[in-house]
C-alpha cells in the first residue's frame, strides 16, 4: 500500500511541475513573440533612416540659372579636393591652427574685414556647413576644430 501512496504523491508532484513548466513555456513564447515584433520594428526603422539619409544626400543644384557646387559629406568624398576652392582654404586654415579657432580668426586670415560683423556671417555659414558635413567640428563655444 505504501508504494501506491508514493506513486500518487509523485504523480501529483510531477503534475504540479508540468503545470508550472507549461506556464513558464507560455511566458517564454509570449516574450519571444514580443522580441520578434521589436526586431521587425527596429529593422523597418533602420530601413527608413537609411532611406531618409539617402534622400537628404546633396545633389547638384542650380540657383538663378547657375550650377552650384554642393558641399559633399566627408564620408562621400575621397579627399578635400571634392570641396570648392574657398571651402578648401577654410579647411586648411583650421587644420593649420594649433587649437580651436574662431570665425573671426579665419576671416582675418582670408583677408576679410573682421571688424564688420556682417562680413563674417557668410564665412560662419560656410564653416557651419563644413561642420554639418563632417569636415570640421563645431564646439559648443562656437569655435571650430579640424576632424582627424
Protein backbone atom coordinates (compact mmCIF):
# COMPACT_ATOMS: atom_id res chain seq x y z
CA UNK A 1 0.00 0.00 0.00
CA UNK A 2 2.90 2.32 0.71
CA UNK A 3 4.05 2.10 -2.94
CA UNK A 4 0.66 3.31 -4.13
CA UNK A 5 0.82 6.36 -1.86
CA UNK A 6 4.32 7.14 -3.11
CA UNK A 7 3.18 6.78 -6.73
CA UNK A 8 0.16 9.02 -6.11
CA UNK A 9 2.28 11.63 -4.33
CA UNK A 10 4.94 11.52 -7.05
CA UNK A 11 2.30 11.81 -9.81
CA UNK A 12 0.86 14.84 -8.00
CA UNK A 13 4.33 16.45 -7.77
CA UNK A 14 5.00 15.79 -11.46
CA UNK A 15 1.59 17.17 -12.46
CA UNK A 16 2.31 20.36 -10.49
CA UNK A 17 5.76 20.63 -12.08
CA UNK A 18 4.31 20.06 -15.56
CA UNK A 19 1.73 22.78 -14.93
CA UNK A 20 4.45 25.18 -13.75
CA UNK A 21 6.68 24.39 -16.75
CA UNK A 22 3.74 24.83 -19.15
CA UNK A 23 3.05 28.25 -17.67
CA UNK A 24 6.75 29.23 -17.96
CA UNK A 25 6.84 27.98 -21.56
CA UNK A 26 3.82 30.13 -22.42
CA UNK A 27 5.50 33.18 -20.84
CA UNK A 28 8.69 32.48 -22.82
CA UNK A 29 6.73 32.14 -26.05
CA UNK A 30 4.92 35.44 -25.43
CA UNK A 31 8.25 37.18 -24.77
CA UNK A 32 9.83 35.62 -27.88
CA UNK A 33 6.92 36.92 -29.95
CA UNK A 34 7.42 40.41 -28.48
CA UNK A 35 11.14 40.27 -29.27
CA UNK A 36 10.38 39.21 -32.84
CA UNK A 37 7.98 42.15 -33.22
CA UNK A 38 10.56 44.54 -31.77
CA UNK A 39 13.16 43.19 -34.19
CA UNK A 40 10.86 43.77 -37.16
CA UNK A 41 10.08 47.31 -36.00
CA UNK A 42 13.79 48.05 -35.50
CA UNK A 43 14.61 46.74 -38.99
CA UNK A 44 11.86 48.90 -40.51
CA UNK A 45 13.12 51.97 -38.65
CA UNK A 46 16.69 51.28 -39.80
CA UNK A 47 15.46 50.98 -43.39
CA UNK A 48 13.55 54.26 -43.03
CA UNK A 49 16.55 56.06 -41.55
CA UNK A 50 18.75 54.80 -44.37
CA UNK A 51 16.18 55.81 -46.99
CA UNK A 52 15.84 59.25 -45.38
CA UNK A 53 19.62 59.67 -45.30
CA UNK A 54 19.84 58.79 -48.98
CA UNK A 55 17.02 61.19 -49.78
CA UNK A 56 18.82 64.01 -47.95
CA UNK A 57 22.12 63.40 -49.73
CA UNK A 58 23.31 66.52 -51.51
CA UNK A 59 22.51 66.74 -55.18
CA UNK A 60 23.66 69.10 -57.89
CA UNK A 61 21.57 72.23 -57.77
CA UNK A 62 21.03 75.38 -59.78
CA UNK A 63 20.46 78.80 -58.33
CA UNK A 64 19.47 81.66 -60.62
CA UNK A 65 20.43 79.51 -63.60
CA UNK A 66 23.96 78.86 -62.31
CA UNK A 67 25.27 75.49 -61.22
CA UNK A 68 26.00 75.49 -57.52
CA UNK A 69 28.64 73.14 -56.18
CA UNK A 70 27.26 71.22 -53.23
CA UNK A 71 29.46 70.53 -50.27
CA UNK A 72 29.80 66.74 -50.10
CA UNK A 73 29.70 64.80 -46.87
CA UNK A 74 33.18 63.89 -45.76
CA UNK A 75 32.35 60.18 -45.85
CA UNK A 76 31.23 60.52 -49.50
CA UNK A 77 34.33 62.37 -50.71
CA UNK A 78 37.71 60.79 -51.34
CA UNK A 79 39.55 63.87 -50.06
CA UNK A 80 39.28 67.63 -49.68
CA UNK A 81 39.70 68.14 -53.44
CA UNK A 82 35.96 67.45 -53.70
CA UNK A 83 35.36 70.79 -51.96
CA UNK A 84 35.14 74.12 -53.80
CA UNK A 85 38.27 76.30 -53.51
CA UNK A 86 37.04 78.68 -50.80
CA UNK A 87 35.97 75.77 -48.62
CA UNK A 88 39.39 74.12 -49.10
CA UNK A 89 41.05 77.37 -47.93
CA UNK A 90 38.86 77.48 -44.81
CA UNK A 91 39.64 73.84 -44.06
CA UNK A 92 43.39 74.44 -44.50
CA UNK A 93 43.34 77.43 -42.12
CA UNK A 94 41.51 75.47 -39.42
CA UNK A 95 43.86 72.49 -39.84
CA UNK A 96 46.94 74.72 -39.54
CA UNK A 97 45.71 76.22 -36.28
CA UNK A 98 47.14 74.92 -33.02
CA UNK A 99 43.68 74.56 -31.46
CA UNK A 100 40.09 75.66 -31.84
CA UNK A 101 39.64 78.76 -33.98
CA UNK A 102 37.02 81.48 -34.04
CA UNK A 103 35.33 82.56 -37.24
CA UNK A 104 36.94 85.99 -36.80
CA UNK A 105 40.47 84.48 -36.91
CA UNK A 106 39.68 82.55 -40.09
CA UNK A 107 38.15 85.68 -41.62
CA UNK A 108 41.29 87.68 -40.84
CA UNK A 109 43.45 85.01 -42.49
CA UNK A 110 41.21 85.17 -45.56
CA UNK A 111 41.57 88.96 -45.68
CA UNK A 112 38.00 89.77 -44.65
CA UNK A 113 37.22 92.91 -42.66
CA UNK A 114 36.64 91.20 -39.31
CA UNK A 115 35.50 94.43 -37.66
CA UNK A 116 32.26 94.31 -39.65
CA UNK A 117 30.13 91.50 -38.25
CA UNK A 118 28.09 91.17 -41.44
CA UNK A 119 31.23 90.27 -43.37
CA UNK A 120 31.81 87.25 -41.12
CA UNK A 121 28.30 85.75 -41.30
CA UNK A 122 28.73 84.17 -44.77
CA UNK A 123 32.02 82.70 -43.53
CA UNK A 124 30.31 81.40 -40.38
CA UNK A 125 27.66 79.75 -42.60
CA UNK A 126 30.36 78.07 -44.70
CA UNK A 127 32.19 76.81 -41.62
CA UNK A 128 28.94 75.52 -40.15
CA UNK A 129 28.18 73.75 -43.42
CA UNK A 130 31.63 72.12 -43.29
CA UNK A 131 30.87 71.03 -39.72
CA UNK A 132 27.45 69.69 -40.71
CA UNK A 133 29.06 67.62 -43.46
CA UNK A 134 31.76 66.20 -41.17
CA UNK A 135 34.80 68.18 -42.37
CA UNK A 136 35.04 70.33 -39.22
CA UNK A 137 33.83 70.03 -35.64
CA UNK A 138 31.84 72.93 -34.20
CA UNK A 139 32.36 73.20 -30.46
CA UNK A 140 29.64 74.41 -28.08
CA UNK A 141 31.56 77.67 -27.61
CA UNK A 142 31.22 78.41 -31.34
CA UNK A 143 34.84 77.71 -32.24
CA UNK A 144 35.86 75.15 -34.84
CA UNK A 145 38.43 72.37 -34.95
CA UNK A 146 39.54 70.08 -37.75
CA UNK A 147 38.43 66.48 -37.68
CA UNK A 148 41.26 63.96 -37.78
